[in-house]
Structure formats: structure tokens, C-alpha cells
Amino acid sequence: MSGAAPDPFRHLPELRGRVTPPAQSTLRLTPQTLAAWDAQARARGLPPDWRWSTQQIEASRRACLGRSAPGEDLWIFGYGSLMWDPAVHFSELRRGDLAGHRRRFSYRTQMGRGTPERPALMLTLEPGDGQCSGLVFRIAAALAERETALLWQREMIRGGYLPTWLPVQTPQGPVRALAFLANPAHPGYVGELPLQDCAAIIATAEGQIGRNRDYLRQLDAQLLCLGLDDPDMHRLWAAVRALAPD
């Protein structure tokens, strides 16, 4: 139809049906969701400040977005669960390569996919040789305020990442994208663990939003669907399958 909005999946039609729509995402956090998580945290004996306050999250968002040009569309680099459940409305999706970084499970969490008794490991983006290949999402300027507020609630719920603007190469040309990098100063940061230690944690951890290994399973499947090679993640998934084949 003439005048219709461009298809967000026009560059990657193979992902149509493989990216959760925002309306169906459980990671598009609501006040009710956060209240339920707070109740679970109290029941598990976590302190009241187990997560950042709304004020801390908003201060982080404002500090970061102050470096972006007002009134322009924003690009977000996804290297983990954002690749299959971004929980934001986007107008364009591309493959993207971020030089000088690599995926690592180096962030320990007692919520989400873990518990205080059996913490989980979540994915981070670390400096390293080579490049990290993922996806970039374009958020229209008119939606940037609302969508980034929701994105920050999700990614910065415990202040575990460093939101950073970085150059990302795409087949359609370079973009300046926001990426959530590892924060080595955060108490949940554990650094790079040996492969078998990492696999043993991921194979057994489980929390209120699911099993740790299912996160890695989805990551591996999305990378394969896109034809993206990440030997470290593929080796880790093979090690987890050997420990927990279901």
C-alpha cells in the first residue's frame, strides 16, 4: 500500500516470527512486575536495595542520552536477549558488527534466572580481540523517550552495565549505537570464568523467569539463524548440553 511504513524486517526477513513483539514481551517491565520482583527479593532475603531505584535508573538514562542528538532516531546494539526479545518498538533491524568486543557470561545474578542459593550467570559485553556480531534496532525519535525509559528499566535494573555509544558496522552502512557493556566495578561482576565452571553454573541455575541454560539455548539458536559465528558461545552451549542434555 502506498504510504505504508517500511517493514522493520526488510533487511532480515528470516527473523520475522523469531523476535518477540513488544506487546507479548514479559521484559517490557511494568510497575506491577517490579512490585512482584521486589516481593520475591524480600522472600529470598535480599536487601531492599537489591535493585536500583527509579531515580538511579532515570539519572543513568539522562546522563547517557544527553550525548545523543535530540530529535534523532536511536540505534540499540543487541548481543544477547535483545536479539530475540528487545521489548521495544523498532522501525528497522540490521545485522551489526561491534569491533573490539566479545560476549562473556561474567555477571552473577540472584534474581531472574537464578536464586541466592544457586546464582545464575548473565551475558555481558567485554573488551576483547575481534568483533561481536549481533543486531541493531532503530528506535524512531518520536518513541525514543518512552522506549528508552523501558529499556533502561530492563537493562539497568541492578546497574550492572555501562551504557556506551559505539560505532557499529552494518551491511547498510555504519551507525552509532548504544551498547550495554560489562561493569567491572559492579558487585555482581565475576570476570571470565573457566569454560567448565561457567557451564556448570548455567546448566543448573533457575529462577522466576526461567532456566539459565534456556537463555544460552536461545542465544545459540538466534546466532545460528543469522549465520553469525561465535565459537566461544557455541563451545559453551555444547558444554552445558553435556551436563544437562534436556
C-alpha atoms as a PDB file:
ATOM      1  CA  MET A   1       0.000   0.000   0.000  1.00  0.00           C
ATOM      2  CA  SER A   2       1.290   3.437  -0.903  1.00  0.00           C
ATOM      3  CA  GLY A   3       2.420   5.418   2.135  1.00  0.00           C
ATOM      4  CA  ALA A   4       2.699   2.330   4.350  1.00  0.00           C
ATOM      5  CA  ALA A   5       5.539   2.304   6.881  1.00  0.00           C
ATOM      6  CA  PRO A   6       8.618   0.317   5.762  1.00  0.00           C
ATOM      7  CA  ASP A   7       8.830  -3.254   7.011  1.00  0.00           C
ATOM      8  CA  PRO A   8      11.176  -3.366  10.071  1.00  0.00           C
ATOM      9  CA  PHE A   9      12.346  -6.819   8.918  1.00  0.00           C
ATOM     10  CA  ARG A  10      13.106  -5.792   5.335  1.00  0.00           C
ATOM     11  CA  HIS A  11      16.842  -6.480   5.772  1.00  0.00           C
ATOM     12  CA  LEU A  12      16.368  -9.691   7.795  1.00  0.00           C
ATOM     13  CA  PRO A  13      13.139 -11.408   6.713  1.00  0.00           C
ATOM     14  CA  GLU A  14      14.343 -14.664   8.279  1.00  0.00           C
ATOM     15  CA  LEU A  15      13.794 -13.103  11.716  1.00  0.00           C
ATOM     16  CA  ARG A  16      10.113 -12.452  11.121  1.00  0.00           C
ATOM     17  CA  GLY A  17       8.416 -14.596  13.755  1.00  0.00           C
ATOM     18  CA  ARG A  18      11.665 -15.061  15.686  1.00  0.00           C
ATOM     19  CA  VAL A  19      11.582 -11.714  17.528  1.00  0.00           C
ATOM     20  CA  THR A  20       9.025 -11.321  20.312  1.00  0.00           C
ATOM     21  CA  PRO A  21       6.596  -8.421  19.687  1.00  0.00           C
ATOM     22  CA  PRO A  22       6.684  -5.807  22.480  1.00  0.00           C
ATOM     23  CA  ALA A  23       3.063  -6.477  23.442  1.00  0.00           C
ATOM     24  CA  GLN A  24       3.960 -10.126  24.137  1.00  0.00           C
ATOM     25  CA  SER A  25       7.232  -9.488  25.940  1.00  0.00           C
ATOM     26  CA  THR A  26       7.492 -10.190  29.671  1.00  0.00           C
ATOM     27  CA  LEU A  27      10.595  -7.962  29.720  1.00  0.00           C
ATOM     28  CA  ARG A  28       8.654  -4.791  28.965  1.00  0.00           C
ATOM     29  CA  LEU A  29       8.547  -4.159  32.691  1.00  0.00           C
ATOM     30  CA  THR A  30       5.534  -2.631  34.393  1.00  0.00           C
ATOM     31  CA  PRO A  31       5.220  -1.272  37.950  1.00  0.00           C
ATOM     32  CA  GLN A  32       3.289  -4.448  38.772  1.00  0.00           C
ATOM     33  CA  THR A  33       6.150  -6.623  37.510  1.00  0.00           C
ATOM     34  CA  LEU A  34       8.695  -4.681  39.568  1.00  0.00           C
ATOM     35  CA  ALA A  35       6.498  -4.919  42.659  1.00  0.00           C
ATOM     36  CA  ALA A  36       6.271  -8.698  42.214  1.00  0.00           C
ATOM     37  CA  TRP A  37      10.038  -8.942  41.828  1.00  0.00           C
ATOM     38  CA  ASP A  38      10.543  -6.838  44.967  1.00  0.00           C
ATOM     39  CA  ALA A  39       8.290  -9.225  46.884  1.00  0.00           C
ATOM     40  CA  GLN A  40      10.284 -12.207  45.611  1.00  0.00           C
ATOM     41  CA  ALA A  41      13.532 -10.497  46.554  1.00  0.00           C
ATOM     42  CA  ARG A  42      12.270  -9.909  50.112  1.00  0.00           C
ATOM     43  CA  ALA A  43      11.182 -13.543  50.362  1.00  0.00           C
ATOM     44  CA  ARG A  44      14.679 -14.617  49.340  1.00  0.00           C
ATOM     45  CA  GLY A  45      16.302 -12.422  51.971  1.00  0.00           C
ATOM     46  CA  LEU A  46      17.771  -9.856  49.578  1.00  0.00           C
ATOM     47  CA  PRO A  47      18.209  -6.310  50.905  1.00  0.00           C
ATOM     48  CA  PRO A  48      15.772  -3.522  49.933  1.00  0.00           C
ATOM     49  CA  ASP A  49      18.386  -2.047  47.599  1.00  0.00           C
ATOM     50  CA  TRP A  50      18.759  -5.284  45.608  1.00  0.00           C
ATOM     51  CA  ARG A  51      17.870  -3.191  42.546  1.00  0.00           C
ATOM     52  CA  TRP A  52      18.410   0.397  41.510  1.00  0.00           C
ATOM     53  CA  SER A  53      15.727   2.907  42.381  1.00  0.00           C
ATOM     54  CA  THR A  54      13.652   4.572  39.682  1.00  0.00           C
ATOM     55  CA  GLN A  55      15.651   7.744  40.336  1.00  0.00           C
ATOM     56  CA  GLN A  56      19.003   5.992  39.817  1.00  0.00           C
ATOM     57  CA  ILE A  57      17.821   4.362  36.589  1.00  0.00           C
ATOM     58  CA  GLU A  58      16.483   7.635  35.236  1.00  0.00           C
ATOM     59  CA  ALA A  59      19.681   9.510  36.163  1.00  0.00           C
ATOM     60  CA  SER A  60      21.717   6.928  34.230  1.00  0.00           C
ATOM     61  CA  ARG A  61      19.422   7.232  31.216  1.00  0.00           C
ATOM     62  CA  ARG A  62      19.569  11.019  31.195  1.00  0.00           C
ATOM     63  CA  ALA A  63      23.349  11.038  31.535  1.00  0.00           C
ATOM     64  CA  CYS A  64      23.723   8.690  28.572  1.00  0.00           C
ATOM     65  CA  LEU A  65      21.088  10.144  26.258  1.00  0.00           C
ATOM     66  CA  GLY A  66      22.476  13.610  26.822  1.00  0.00           C
ATOM     67  CA  ARG A  67      25.255  12.518  24.466  1.00  0.00           C
ATOM     68  CA  SER A  68      22.799  11.803  21.642  1.00  0.00           C
ATOM     69  CA  ALA A  69      21.463  14.396  19.245  1.00  0.00           C
ATOM     70  CA  PRO A  70      17.912  15.468  20.206  1.00  0.00           C
ATOM     71  CA  GLY A  71      15.192  14.653  17.726  1.00  0.00           C
ATOM     72  CA  GLU A  72      17.165  11.879  16.002  1.00  0.00           C
ATOM     73  CA  ASP A  73      16.401   8.183  15.763  1.00  0.00           C
ATOM     74  CA  LEU A  74      18.409   5.960  18.132  1.00  0.00           C
ATOM     75  CA  TRP A  75      20.209   2.709  17.388  1.00  0.00           C
ATOM     76  CA  ILE A  76      20.498  -0.038  20.032  1.00  0.00           C
ATOM     77  CA  PHE A  77      23.051  -2.855  19.735  1.00  0.00           C
ATOM     78  CA  GLY A  78      21.703  -6.250  20.824  1.00  0.00           C
ATOM     79  CA  TYR A  79      24.114  -9.080  21.582  1.00  0.00           C
ATOM     80  CA  GLY A  80      22.055 -11.250  23.960  1.00  0.00           C
ATOM     81  CA  SER A  81      18.351 -11.458  24.739  1.00  0.00           C
ATOM     82  CA  LEU A  82      17.705  -8.198  22.889  1.00  0.00           C
ATOM     83  CA  MET A  83      18.245 -10.246  19.720  1.00  0.00           C
ATOM     84  CA  TRP A  84      15.062 -12.251  20.269  1.00  0.00           C
ATOM     85  CA  ASP A  85      13.113 -10.197  22.817  1.00  0.00           C
ATOM     86  CA  PRO A  86      14.026  -6.498  22.566  1.00  0.00           C
ATOM     87  CA  ALA A  87      10.747  -5.453  24.269  1.00  0.00           C
ATOM     88  CA  VAL A  88      10.857  -2.120  22.426  1.00  0.00           C
ATOM     89  CA  HIS A  89       9.118  -0.817  19.306  1.00  0.00           C
ATOM     90  CA  PHE A  90      11.643  -0.533  16.479  1.00  0.00           C
ATOM     91  CA  SER A  91      11.336   0.667  12.905  1.00  0.00           C
ATOM     92  CA  GLU A  92      14.369  -1.083  11.417  1.00  0.00           C
ATOM     93  CA  LEU A  93      16.518  -4.113  12.184  1.00  0.00           C
ATOM     94  CA  ARG A  94      20.002  -4.832  10.824  1.00  0.00           C
ATOM     95  CA  ARG A  95      22.896  -7.148  11.448  1.00  0.00           C
ATOM     96  CA  GLY A  96      25.702  -5.317  13.199  1.00  0.00           C
ATOM     97  CA  ASP A  97      29.382  -5.885  13.990  1.00  0.00           C
ATOM     98  CA  LEU A  98      30.992  -4.223  17.010  1.00  0.00           C
ATOM     99  CA  ALA A  99      34.786  -4.280  16.826  1.00  0.00           C
ATOM    100  CA  GLY A 100      36.978  -4.867  19.862  1.00  0.00           C
ATOM    101  CA  HIS A 101      34.358  -6.641  21.984  1.00  0.00           C
ATOM    102  CA  ARG A 102      33.205 -10.173  22.797  1.00  0.00           C
ATOM    103  CA  ARG A 103      30.374 -11.916  24.635  1.00  0.00           C
ATOM    104  CA  ARG A 104      31.062 -13.371  28.074  1.00  0.00           C
ATOM    105  CA  PHE A 105      28.888 -14.740  30.876  1.00  0.00           C
ATOM    106  CA  SER A 106      30.537 -12.678  33.592  1.00  0.00           C
ATOM    107  CA  TYR A 107      27.644 -11.179  35.581  1.00  0.00           C
ATOM    108  CA  ARG A 108      26.240 -13.158  38.515  1.00  0.00           C
ATOM    109  CA  THR A 109      22.594 -12.635  39.475  1.00  0.00           C
ATOM    110  CA  GLN A 110      20.390 -13.979  42.266  1.00  0.00           C
ATOM    111  CA  MET A 111      17.179 -12.945  40.515  1.00  0.00           C
ATOM    112  CA  GLY A 112      15.768 -13.574  37.058  1.00  0.00           C
ATOM    113  CA  ARG A 113      17.301 -16.931  36.165  1.00  0.00           C
ATOM    114  CA  GLY A 114      18.996 -17.557  39.497  1.00  0.00           C
ATOM    115  CA  THR A 115      18.445 -17.630  43.256  1.00  0.00           C
ATOM    116  CA  PRO A 116      20.626 -16.707  46.272  1.00  0.00           C
ATOM    117  CA  GLU A 117      21.317 -20.423  46.760  1.00  0.00           C
ATOM    118  CA  ARG A 118      22.146 -21.031  43.094  1.00  0.00           C
ATOM    119  CA  PRO A 119      23.013 -17.763  41.293  1.00  0.00           C
ATOM    120  CA  ALA A 120      22.874 -17.609  37.522  1.00  0.00           C
ATOM    121  CA  LEU A 121      25.301 -16.095  35.039  1.00  0.00           C
ATOM    122  CA  MET A 122      24.095 -13.459  32.623  1.00  0.00           C
ATOM    123  CA  LEU A 123      25.689 -12.236  29.445  1.00  0.00           C
ATOM    124  CA  THR A 124      27.896  -9.156  29.243  1.00  0.00           C
ATOM    125  CA  LEU A 125      29.903  -7.441  26.553  1.00  0.00           C
ATOM    126  CA  GLU A 126      33.620  -7.310  27.310  1.00  0.00           C
ATOM    127  CA  PRO A 127      36.586  -5.672  25.572  1.00  0.00           C
ATOM    128  CA  GLY A 128      38.476  -8.228  23.508  1.00  0.00           C
ATOM    129  CA  ASP A 129      40.051  -9.151  20.209  1.00  0.00           C
ATOM    130  CA  GLY A 130      37.975  -9.489  17.070  1.00  0.00           C
ATOM    131  CA  GLN A 131      34.360  -8.404  16.974  1.00  0.00           C
ATOM    132  CA  CYS A 132      30.945  -9.192  18.410  1.00  0.00           C
ATOM    133  CA  SER A 133      28.244  -9.731  15.808  1.00  0.00           C
ATOM    134  CA  GLY A 134      24.638  -9.079  16.732  1.00  0.00           C
ATOM    135  CA  LEU A 135      21.694  -6.901  15.762  1.00  0.00           C
ATOM    136  CA  VAL A 136      20.992  -3.182  15.801  1.00  0.00           C
ATOM    137  CA  PHE A 137      17.488  -1.807  16.288  1.00  0.00           C
ATOM    138  CA  ARG A 138      16.431   1.667  15.199  1.00  0.00           C
ATOM    139  CA  ILE A 139      14.024   3.435  17.537  1.00  0.00           C
ATOM    140  CA  ALA A 140      12.177   6.356  15.946  1.00  0.00           C
ATOM    141  CA  ALA A 141      12.852   9.735  17.537  1.00  0.00           C
ATOM    142  CA  ALA A 142       9.168  10.171  18.365  1.00  0.00           C
ATOM    143  CA  LEU A 143       9.271   6.989  20.500  1.00  0.00           C
ATOM    144  CA  ALA A 144      12.765   7.396  21.959  1.00  0.00           C
ATOM    145  CA  GLU A 145      11.709   8.867  25.317  1.00  0.00           C
ATOM    146  CA  ARG A 146       9.191   6.149  26.123  1.00  0.00           C
ATOM    147  CA  GLU A 147      11.112   3.218  24.679  1.00  0.00           C
ATOM    148  CA  THR A 148      14.475   4.064  26.254  1.00  0.00           C
ATOM    149  CA  ALA A 149      12.788   4.508  29.651  1.00  0.00           C
ATOM    150  CA  LEU A 150      11.514   0.928  29.363  1.00  0.00           C
ATOM    151  CA  LEU A 151      14.859  -0.298  28.031  1.00  0.00           C
ATOM    152  CA  TRP A 152      16.709   1.221  30.999  1.00  0.00           C
ATOM    153  CA  GLN A 153      14.308  -0.397  33.474  1.00  0.00           C
ATOM    154  CA  ARG A 154      15.210  -3.741  31.974  1.00  0.00           C
ATOM    155  CA  GLU A 155      18.941  -3.446  31.348  1.00  0.00           C
ATOM    156  CA  MET A 156      19.870  -1.241  34.306  1.00  0.00           C
ATOM    157  CA  ILE A 157      17.647  -2.755  36.964  1.00  0.00           C
ATOM    158  CA  ARG A 158      20.739  -3.500  39.075  1.00  0.00           C
ATOM    159  CA  GLY A 159      23.156  -1.057  37.483  1.00  0.00           C
ATOM    160  CA  GLY A 160      25.167  -3.963  36.155  1.00  0.00           C
ATOM    161  CA  TYR A 161      26.089  -2.459  32.792  1.00  0.00           C
ATOM    162  CA  LEU A 162      27.794   0.604  31.366  1.00  0.00           C
ATOM    163  CA  PRO A 163      25.607   2.161  28.627  1.00  0.00           C
ATOM    164  CA  THR A 164      28.033   3.345  25.946  1.00  0.00           C
ATOM    165  CA  TRP A 165      27.763   4.850  22.455  1.00  0.00           C
ATOM    166  CA  LEU A 166      29.912   2.919  19.981  1.00  0.00           C
ATOM    167  CA  PRO A 167      30.375   2.667  16.199  1.00  0.00           C
ATOM    168  CA  VAL A 168      28.717  -0.416  14.715  1.00  0.00           C
ATOM    169  CA  GLN A 169      29.172  -1.610  11.152  1.00  0.00           C
ATOM    170  CA  THR A 170      26.112  -2.878   9.279  1.00  0.00           C
ATOM    171  CA  PRO A 171      25.659  -4.124   5.690  1.00  0.00           C
ATOM    172  CA  GLN A 172      23.655  -0.948   5.027  1.00  0.00           C
ATOM    173  CA  GLY A 173      26.331   1.367   6.429  1.00  0.00           C
ATOM    174  CA  PRO A 174      27.846   2.403   9.788  1.00  0.00           C
ATOM    175  CA  VAL A 175      25.691   3.566  12.696  1.00  0.00           C
ATOM    176  CA  ARG A 176      26.362   4.952  16.158  1.00  0.00           C
ATOM    177  CA  ALA A 177      24.616   2.614  18.558  1.00  0.00           C
ATOM    178  CA  LEU A 178      24.031   2.284  22.267  1.00  0.00           C
ATOM    179  CA  ALA A 179      25.508  -0.873  23.802  1.00  0.00           C
ATOM    180  CA  PHE A 180      25.298  -2.121  27.372  1.00  0.00           C
ATOM    181  CA  LEU A 181      28.852  -3.082  28.316  1.00  0.00           C
ATOM    182  CA  ALA A 182      30.119  -5.020  31.331  1.00  0.00           C
ATOM    183  CA  ASN A 183      30.663  -3.003  34.503  1.00  0.00           C
ATOM    184  CA  PRO A 184      33.696  -4.498  36.302  1.00  0.00           C
ATOM    185  CA  ALA A 185      33.011  -2.297  39.354  1.00  0.00           C
ATOM    186  CA  HIS A 186      29.616  -3.898  39.971  1.00  0.00           C
ATOM    187  CA  PRO A 187      29.482  -6.428  42.866  1.00  0.00           C
ATOM    188  CA  GLY A 188      27.808  -8.966  40.573  1.00  0.00           C
ATOM    189  CA  TYR A 189      30.701  -8.923  38.118  1.00  0.00           C
ATOM    190  CA  VAL A 190      32.784 -12.116  38.323  1.00  0.00           C
ATOM    191  CA  GLY A 191      35.010 -11.753  35.254  1.00  0.00           C
ATOM    192  CA  GLU A 192      35.784 -14.523  32.814  1.00  0.00           C
ATOM    193  CA  LEU A 193      35.346 -17.957  34.395  1.00  0.00           C
ATOM    194  CA  PRO A 194      36.857 -21.203  33.055  1.00  0.00           C
ATOM    195  CA  LEU A 195      34.601 -22.848  30.484  1.00  0.00           C
ATOM    196  CA  GLN A 196      33.617 -25.828  32.644  1.00  0.00           C
ATOM    197  CA  ASP A 197      32.903 -23.660  35.698  1.00  0.00           C
ATOM    198  CA  CYS A 198      30.725 -21.398  33.605  1.00  0.00           C
ATOM    199  CA  ALA A 199      28.909 -24.374  32.054  1.00  0.00           C
ATOM    200  CA  ALA A 200      28.258 -25.967  35.465  1.00  0.00           C
ATOM    201  CA  ILE A 201      26.555 -22.800  36.725  1.00  0.00           C
ATOM    202  CA  ILE A 202      24.460 -22.253  33.608  1.00  0.00           C
ATOM    203  CA  ALA A 203      23.425 -25.921  33.460  1.00  0.00           C
ATOM    204  CA  THR A 204      21.804 -25.868  36.910  1.00  0.00           C
ATOM    205  CA  ALA A 205      20.664 -22.303  37.725  1.00  0.00           C
ATOM    206  CA  GLU A 206      16.961 -21.451  37.513  1.00  0.00           C
ATOM    207  CA  GLY A 207      14.868 -18.513  38.727  1.00  0.00           C
ATOM    208  CA  GLN A 208      11.475 -16.887  38.450  1.00  0.00           C
ATOM    209  CA  ILE A 209      11.814 -16.103  34.720  1.00  0.00           C
ATOM    210  CA  GLY A 210      13.287 -19.454  33.703  1.00  0.00           C
ATOM    211  CA  ARG A 211      16.376 -21.622  33.442  1.00  0.00           C
ATOM    212  CA  ASN A 212      19.810 -20.178  32.862  1.00  0.00           C
ATOM    213  CA  ARG A 213      20.531 -22.751  30.152  1.00  0.00           C
ATOM    214  CA  ASP A 214      17.426 -21.765  28.192  1.00  0.00           C
ATOM    215  CA  TYR A 215      18.883 -18.271  27.800  1.00  0.00           C
ATOM    216  CA  LEU A 216      22.052 -19.764  26.278  1.00  0.00           C
ATOM    217  CA  ARG A 217      19.962 -22.114  24.145  1.00  0.00           C
ATOM    218  CA  GLN A 218      18.046 -19.166  22.667  1.00  0.00           C
ATOM    219  CA  LEU A 219      21.258 -17.239  22.100  1.00  0.00           C
ATOM    220  CA  ASP A 220      22.876 -20.121  20.234  1.00  0.00           C
ATOM    221  CA  ALA A 221      19.752 -20.666  18.119  1.00  0.00           C
ATOM    222  CA  GLN A 222      19.488 -16.994  17.143  1.00  0.00           C
ATOM    223  CA  LEU A 223      23.164 -16.825  16.217  1.00  0.00           C
ATOM    224  CA  LEU A 224      22.773 -19.894  14.006  1.00  0.00           C
ATOM    225  CA  CYS A 225      19.628 -18.481  12.381  1.00  0.00           C
ATOM    226  CA  LEU A 226      21.541 -15.317  11.482  1.00  0.00           C
ATOM    227  CA  GLY A 227      24.620 -17.216  10.333  1.00  0.00           C
ATOM    228  CA  LEU A 228      26.708 -15.442  12.988  1.00  0.00           C
ATOM    229  CA  ASP A 229      29.769 -17.297  14.213  1.00  0.00           C
ATOM    230  CA  ASP A 230      30.652 -17.070  17.910  1.00  0.00           C
ATOM    231  CA  PRO A 231      32.858 -20.092  18.672  1.00  0.00           C
ATOM    232  CA  ASP A 232      33.046 -19.275  22.400  1.00  0.00           C
ATOM    233  CA  MET A 233      29.279 -19.326  22.794  1.00  0.00           C
ATOM    234  CA  HIS A 234      28.915 -22.465  20.674  1.00  0.00           C
ATOM    235  CA  ARG A 235      31.545 -24.257  22.797  1.00  0.00           C
ATOM    236  CA  LEU A 236      29.849 -23.128  25.992  1.00  0.00           C
ATOM    237  CA  TRP A 237      26.457 -24.363  24.806  1.00  0.00           C
ATOM    238  CA  ALA A 238      27.983 -27.744  23.890  1.00  0.00           C
ATOM    239  CA  ALA A 239      29.485 -27.986  27.392  1.00  0.00           C
ATOM    240  CA  VAL A 240      26.132 -27.126  29.001  1.00  0.00           C
ATOM    241  CA  ARG A 241      24.311 -29.710  26.860  1.00  0.00           C
ATOM    242  CA  ALA A 242      26.795 -32.349  28.008  1.00  0.00           C
ATOM    243  CA  LEU A 243      25.902 -31.574  31.636  1.00  0.00           C
ATOM    244  CA  ALA A 244      22.148 -31.006  31.141  1.00  0.00           C
ATOM    245  CA  PRO A 245      21.004 -32.581  27.878  1.00  0.00           C
ATOM    246  CA  ASP A 246      17.289 -31.788  28.270  1.00  0.00           C
END
